[in-house]
C-alpha atoms as a PDB file:
ATOM      1  CA  MET A   1       0.000   0.000   0.000  1.00  0.00           C
ATOM      2  CA  ARG A   2       2.847   2.335   0.833  1.00  0.00           C
ATOM      3  CA  SER A   3       4.399   1.942  -2.631  1.00  0.00           C
ATOM      4  CA  LEU A   4       1.002   2.711  -4.209  1.00  0.00           C
ATOM      5  CA  ASP A   5       0.794   5.946  -2.185  1.00  0.00           C
ATOM      6  CA  THR A   6       4.315   6.879  -3.306  1.00  0.00           C
ATOM      7  CA  LEU A   7       3.427   6.147  -6.927  1.00  0.00           C
ATOM      8  CA  LEU A   8       0.241   8.257  -6.710  1.00  0.00           C
ATOM      9  CA  LEU A   9       2.163  11.165  -5.164  1.00  0.00           C
ATOM     10  CA  ALA A  10       4.791  10.952  -7.911  1.00  0.00           C
ATOM     11  CA  LEU A  11       2.127  10.872 -10.649  1.00  0.00           C
ATOM     12  CA  THR A  12       0.297  13.830  -9.097  1.00  0.00           C
ATOM     13  CA  ALA A  13       3.527  15.823  -8.982  1.00  0.00           C
ATOM     14  CA  LEU A  14       4.339  14.920 -12.584  1.00  0.00           C
ATOM     15  CA  LEU A  15       0.854  15.896 -13.790  1.00  0.00           C
ATOM     16  CA  SER A  16       0.997  19.243 -11.987  1.00  0.00           C
ATOM     17  CA  LEU A  17       4.371  19.975 -13.607  1.00  0.00           C
ATOM     18  CA  SER A  18       2.961  19.116 -17.043  1.00  0.00           C
ATOM     19  CA  ALA A  19      -0.070  21.323 -16.462  1.00  0.00           C
ATOM     20  CA  ALA A  20       2.153  24.233 -15.371  1.00  0.00           C
ATOM     21  CA  ALA A  21       4.314  23.810 -18.461  1.00  0.00           C
ATOM     22  CA  ALA A  22       1.222  23.891 -20.685  1.00  0.00           C
ATOM     23  CA  VAL A  23       0.151  27.326 -19.399  1.00  0.00           C
ATOM     24  CA  PRO A  24       1.494  29.881 -21.888  1.00  0.00           C
ATOM     25  CA  LYS A  25       3.942  32.394 -20.451  1.00  0.00           C
ATOM     26  CA  ARG A  26       2.758  35.986 -20.641  1.00  0.00           C
ATOM     27  CA  PRO A  27       4.682  37.542 -23.518  1.00  0.00           C
ATOM     28  CA  ALA A  28       7.103  40.358 -22.834  1.00  0.00           C
ATOM     29  CA  PHE A  29       6.233  43.857 -23.990  1.00  0.00           C
ATOM     30  CA  THR A  30       2.673  43.711 -22.649  1.00  0.00           C
ATOM     31  CA  GLY A  31       1.147  45.618 -19.762  1.00  0.00           C
ATOM     32  CA  LEU A  32       3.324  48.057 -17.853  1.00  0.00           C
ATOM     33  CA  GLY A  33       7.078  47.591 -17.880  1.00  0.00           C
ATOM     34  CA  GLN A  34      10.562  48.997 -17.897  1.00  0.00           C
ATOM     35  CA  LEU A  35      12.995  48.802 -20.777  1.00  0.00           C
ATOM     36  CA  ARG A  36      16.193  47.219 -19.454  1.00  0.00           C
ATOM     37  CA  THR A  37      19.581  47.574 -21.163  1.00  0.00           C
ATOM     38  CA  LEU A  38      20.989  44.050 -21.539  1.00  0.00           C
ATOM     39  CA  TYR A  39      24.645  43.622 -22.509  1.00  0.00           C
ATOM     40  CA  ILE A  40      24.881  41.840 -25.861  1.00  0.00           C
ATOM     41  CA  SER A  41      27.332  39.136 -24.778  1.00  0.00           C
ATOM     42  CA  GLY A  42      28.082  36.772 -21.926  1.00  0.00           C
ATOM     43  CA  ASP A  43      25.218  36.383 -19.490  1.00  0.00           C
ATOM     44  CA  HIS A  44      23.484  39.525 -20.862  1.00  0.00           C
ATOM     45  CA  GLU A  45      24.143  41.539 -17.717  1.00  0.00           C
ATOM     46  CA  ASP A  46      21.487  44.161 -16.903  1.00  0.00           C
ATOM     47  CA  LEU A  47      23.317  47.491 -17.378  1.00  0.00           C
ATOM     48  CA  GLY A  48      20.518  49.852 -16.376  1.00  0.00           C
ATOM     49  CA  CYS A  49      17.273  51.056 -17.845  1.00  0.00           C
ATOM     50  CA  VAL A  50      15.708  53.530 -20.250  1.00  0.00           C
ATOM     51  CA  THR A  51      14.279  56.869 -19.141  1.00  0.00           C
ATOM     52  CA  SER A  52      10.895  58.154 -20.303  1.00  0.00           C
ATOM     53  CA  GLU A  53      12.708  60.158 -22.974  1.00  0.00           C
ATOM     54  CA  GLY A  54      14.409  57.011 -24.302  1.00  0.00           C
ATOM     55  CA  LYS A  55      17.890  57.522 -22.837  1.00  0.00           C
ATOM     56  CA  TRP A  56      20.154  55.034 -21.050  1.00  0.00           C
ATOM     57  CA  THR A  57      20.671  55.473 -17.306  1.00  0.00           C
ATOM     58  CA  VAL A  58      21.896  53.376 -14.388  1.00  0.00           C
ATOM     59  CA  ASP A  59      19.984  55.509 -11.884  1.00  0.00           C
ATOM     60  CA  GLU A  60      16.961  53.319 -11.062  1.00  0.00           C
ATOM     61  CA  SER A  61      15.003  56.387  -9.883  1.00  0.00           C
ATOM     62  CA  GLN A  62      15.058  57.651 -13.504  1.00  0.00           C
ATOM     63  CA  CYS A  63      13.709  54.457 -15.128  1.00  0.00           C
ATOM     64  CA  GLY A  64      10.670  55.140 -17.274  1.00  0.00           C
ATOM     65  CA  VAL A  65       7.442  53.168 -17.226  1.00  0.00           C
ATOM     66  CA  PHE A  66       6.288  51.984 -20.638  1.00  0.00           C
ATOM     67  CA  VAL A  67       3.152  50.455 -22.116  1.00  0.00           C
ATOM     68  CA  THR A  68       2.547  48.796 -25.468  1.00  0.00           C
ATOM     69  CA  GLU A  69      -0.339  48.905 -27.869  1.00  0.00           C
ATOM     70  CA  ARG A  70      -0.403  45.542 -29.631  1.00  0.00           C
ATOM     71  CA  LEU A  71      -1.070  45.655 -33.373  1.00  0.00           C
ATOM     72  CA  ASP A  72      -0.882  41.854 -33.652  1.00  0.00           C
ATOM     73  CA  SER A  73       0.971  39.033 -31.894  1.00  0.00           C
ATOM     74  CA  ASN A  74       4.349  40.227 -33.237  1.00  0.00           C
ATOM     75  CA  GLN A  75       4.167  44.026 -33.544  1.00  0.00           C
ATOM     76  CA  PHE A  76       3.324  46.899 -31.229  1.00  0.00           C
ATOM     77  CA  HIS A  77       3.590  50.616 -30.566  1.00  0.00           C
ATOM     78  CA  LEU A  78       5.525  51.645 -27.463  1.00  0.00           C
ATOM     79  CA  ARG A  79       4.745  54.619 -25.243  1.00  0.00           C
ATOM     80  CA  ALA A  80       6.381  56.065 -22.140  1.00  0.00           C
ATOM     81  CA  LEU A  81       3.634  56.950 -19.643  1.00  0.00           C
ATOM     82  CA  LYS A  82       5.310  60.216 -18.732  1.00  0.00           C
ATOM     83  CA  ALA A  83       6.692  61.401 -22.105  1.00  0.00           C
ATOM     84  CA  GLY A  84       4.524  59.851 -24.827  1.00  0.00           C
ATOM     85  CA  GLN A  85       5.045  57.720 -27.915  1.00  0.00           C
ATOM     86  CA  CYS A  86       8.397  56.146 -28.765  1.00  0.00           C
ATOM     87  CA  GLY A  87      10.061  55.919 -32.131  1.00  0.00           C
ATOM     88  CA  ILE A  88      13.271  56.078 -34.088  1.00  0.00           C
ATOM     89  CA  ASP A  89      14.621  59.478 -35.146  1.00  0.00           C
ATOM     90  CA  VAL A  90      17.627  59.190 -37.485  1.00  0.00           C
ATOM     91  CA  ALA A  91      18.576  55.802 -35.945  1.00  0.00           C
ATOM     92  CA  THR A  92      18.203  57.215 -32.394  1.00  0.00           C
ATOM     93  CA  PHE A  93      15.680  55.709 -29.955  1.00  0.00           C
ATOM     94  CA  LYS A  94      13.474  58.485 -28.511  1.00  0.00           C
ATOM     95  CA  CYS A  95      10.195  58.959 -26.675  1.00  0.00           C
ATOM     96  CA  GLY A  96       8.099  62.073 -26.251  1.00  0.00           C
ATOM     97  CA  GLY A  97       6.697  65.039 -28.111  1.00  0.00           C
ATOM     98  CA  GLY A  98       7.570  65.319 -31.771  1.00  0.00           C
ATOM     99  CA  VAL A  99       8.674  61.686 -32.075  1.00  0.00           C
ATOM    100  CA  LYS A 100       7.093  59.801 -34.956  1.00  0.00           C
ATOM    101  CA  GLU A 101       5.484  56.621 -33.621  1.00  0.00           C
ATOM    102  CA  ALA A 102       7.297  53.451 -34.716  1.00  0.00           C
ATOM    103  CA  VAL A 103       6.196  49.855 -35.091  1.00  0.00           C
ATOM    104  CA  PHE A 104       8.378  47.639 -32.898  1.00  0.00           C
ATOM    105  CA  GLY A 105       8.534  43.892 -32.451  1.00  0.00           C
ATOM    106  CA  THR A 106      10.721  41.174 -30.959  1.00  0.00           C
ATOM    107  CA  TRP A 107      12.507  38.086 -32.218  1.00  0.00           C
ATOM    108  CA  GLY A 108      10.658  35.974 -29.659  1.00  0.00           C
ATOM    109  CA  THR A 109      12.274  33.914 -26.914  1.00  0.00           C
ATOM    110  CA  PRO A 110      14.624  31.953 -29.196  1.00  0.00           C
ATOM    111  CA  GLY A 111      16.099  35.319 -30.256  1.00  0.00           C
ATOM    112  CA  PRO A 112      19.480  36.849 -29.409  1.00  0.00           C
ATOM    113  CA  VAL A 113      18.940  36.647 -25.622  1.00  0.00           C
ATOM    114  CA  SER A 114      17.768  33.065 -25.257  1.00  0.00           C
ATOM    115  CA  GLY A 115      14.595  32.775 -23.194  1.00  0.00           C
ATOM    116  CA  ASN A 116      13.888  36.522 -23.278  1.00  0.00           C
ATOM    117  CA  GLU A 117      12.312  38.789 -25.837  1.00  0.00           C
ATOM    118  CA  VAL A 118      14.231  41.899 -26.872  1.00  0.00           C
ATOM    119  CA  LEU A 119      13.053  44.942 -28.777  1.00  0.00           C
ATOM    120  CA  ARG A 120      13.646  45.175 -32.494  1.00  0.00           C
ATOM    121  CA  TYR A 121      12.861  47.775 -35.140  1.00  0.00           C
ATOM    122  CA  SER A 122      12.799  46.134 -38.563  1.00  0.00           C
ATOM    123  CA  GLN A 123      16.037  44.106 -38.605  1.00  0.00           C
ATOM    124  CA  TYR A 124      17.769  46.370 -36.047  1.00  0.00           C
ATOM    125  CA  GLY A 125      18.039  45.960 -32.307  1.00  0.00           C
ATOM    126  CA  ILE A 126      21.543  46.522 -30.899  1.00  0.00           C
ATOM    127  CA  LEU A 127      21.849  49.999 -29.403  1.00  0.00           C
ATOM    128  CA  ALA A 128      24.940  51.972 -28.401  1.00  0.00           C
ATOM    129  CA  THR A 129      25.982  55.504 -27.441  1.00  0.00           C
ATOM    130  CA  ASP A 130      28.562  57.943 -28.770  1.00  0.00           C
ATOM    131  CA  ALA A 131      29.995  58.385 -25.272  1.00  0.00           C
ATOM    132  CA  PRO A 132      33.625  57.297 -24.838  1.00  0.00           C
ATOM    133  CA  ASP A 133      32.410  54.705 -22.344  1.00  0.00           C
ATOM    134  CA  SER A 134      29.009  53.257 -21.546  1.00  0.00           C
ATOM    135  CA  PRO A 135      26.945  52.538 -19.578  1.00  0.00           C
ATOM    136  CA  PRO A 136      26.809  55.999 -18.045  1.00  0.00           C
ATOM    137  CA  ALA A 137      28.072  56.473 -14.499  1.00  0.00           C
ATOM    138  CA  ARG A 138      25.386  56.862 -11.801  1.00  0.00           C
ATOM    139  CA  ASP A 139      26.105  60.604 -11.484  1.00  0.00           C
ATOM    140  CA  GLN A 140      26.244  61.119 -15.265  1.00  0.00           C
ATOM    141  CA  ALA A 141      23.306  62.397 -17.306  1.00  0.00           C
ATOM    142  CA  PRO A 142      21.393  59.696 -19.229  1.00  0.00           C
ATOM    143  CA  LEU A 143      22.863  58.930 -22.647  1.00  0.00           C
ATOM    144  CA  ALA A 144      21.086  59.005 -26.010  1.00  0.00           C
ATOM    145  CA  MET A 145      21.087  55.587 -27.732  1.00  0.00           C
ATOM    146  CA  HIS A 146      21.222  54.834 -31.425  1.00  0.00           C
ATOM    147  CA  PHE A 147      21.533  51.691 -33.507  1.00  0.00           C
ATOM    148  CA  TYR A 148      25.034  50.244 -33.282  1.00  0.00           C
ATOM    149  CA  SER A 149      27.228  51.161 -36.253  1.00  0.00           C
ATOM    150  CA  GLY A 150      30.536  49.487 -35.343  1.00  0.00           C
ATOM    151  CA  SER A 151      32.419  52.585 -34.191  1.00  0.00           C
ATOM    152  CA  GLU A 152      31.074  52.933 -30.631  1.00  0.00           C
ATOM    153  CA  LYS A 153      33.572  52.408 -27.795  1.00  0.00           C
ATOM    154  CA  GLY A 154      31.297  51.467 -24.877  1.00  0.00           C
ATOM    155  CA  LYS A 155      29.103  48.453 -24.284  1.00  0.00           C
ATOM    156  CA  TRP A 156      26.297  47.684 -26.727  1.00  0.00           C
ATOM    157  CA  VAL A 157      22.879  46.568 -25.536  1.00  0.00           C
ATOM    158  CA  TRP A 158      19.582  44.937 -26.379  1.00  0.00           C
ATOM    159  CA  LEU A 159      16.431  46.430 -24.843  1.00  0.00           C
ATOM    160  CA  GLY A 160      14.671  43.828 -22.722  1.00  0.00           C
ATOM    161  CA  TRP A 161      11.386  44.050 -20.829  1.00  0.00           C
ATOM    162  CA  LYS A 162      10.827  43.961 -17.081  1.00  0.00           C
ATOM    163  CA  ALA A 163       7.113  43.585 -16.362  1.00  0.00           C
ATOM    164  CA  LEU A 164       5.754  45.793 -13.602  1.00  0.00           C
ATOM    165  CA  SER A 165       2.679  45.203 -11.473  1.00  0.00           C
ATOM    166  CA  GLY A 166      -0.410  47.313 -12.077  1.00  0.00           C
ATOM    167  CA  ASN A 167       0.531  49.485  -9.078  1.00  0.00           C
ATOM    168  CA  HIS A 168       2.761  51.713 -11.218  1.00  0.00           C
ATOM    169  CA  ALA A 169       0.083  54.167 -12.326  1.00  0.00           C
ATOM    170  CA  GLU A 170       2.579  56.881 -13.166  1.00  0.00           C
ATOM    171  CA  ASP A 171       6.181  57.183 -14.167  1.00  0.00           C
ATOM    172  CA  ASN A 172       8.969  57.571 -11.615  1.00  0.00           C
END
């Protein structure tokens, strides 16, 4: 009888694991979230976040809160709650007044950062700065980011998504 109980417990555990695996994971870039700057190599170290204006900072108090408007399962518009719509202006990522709204997407979870979705614009996604070194220092002003061209000296990043709870009604 004891071995039957053990077998039933093992089967129950196995079935609950299978059921959990069958539940689809909530896709990134939905709801409220932060844009995180993920180093392009190694373990994709989190090197800070993006401000509401679309600039790179390591000061967590300056991280913007973003929301997406899904166009379909692969494409979306992105908006900073505090500044407004986000887009690409001459290869530079920006958010706020005067920025033409862009259609963004991801490469899905098998993309460049395995298991995580990262932002893409057409075939582009790696961002960098013109600063002699990046990421910016904590006491340095946030840095403008543009698509990597091969000449930038600092670290290059993908923009990942960190989902936030619904309690973030306004930007920091």
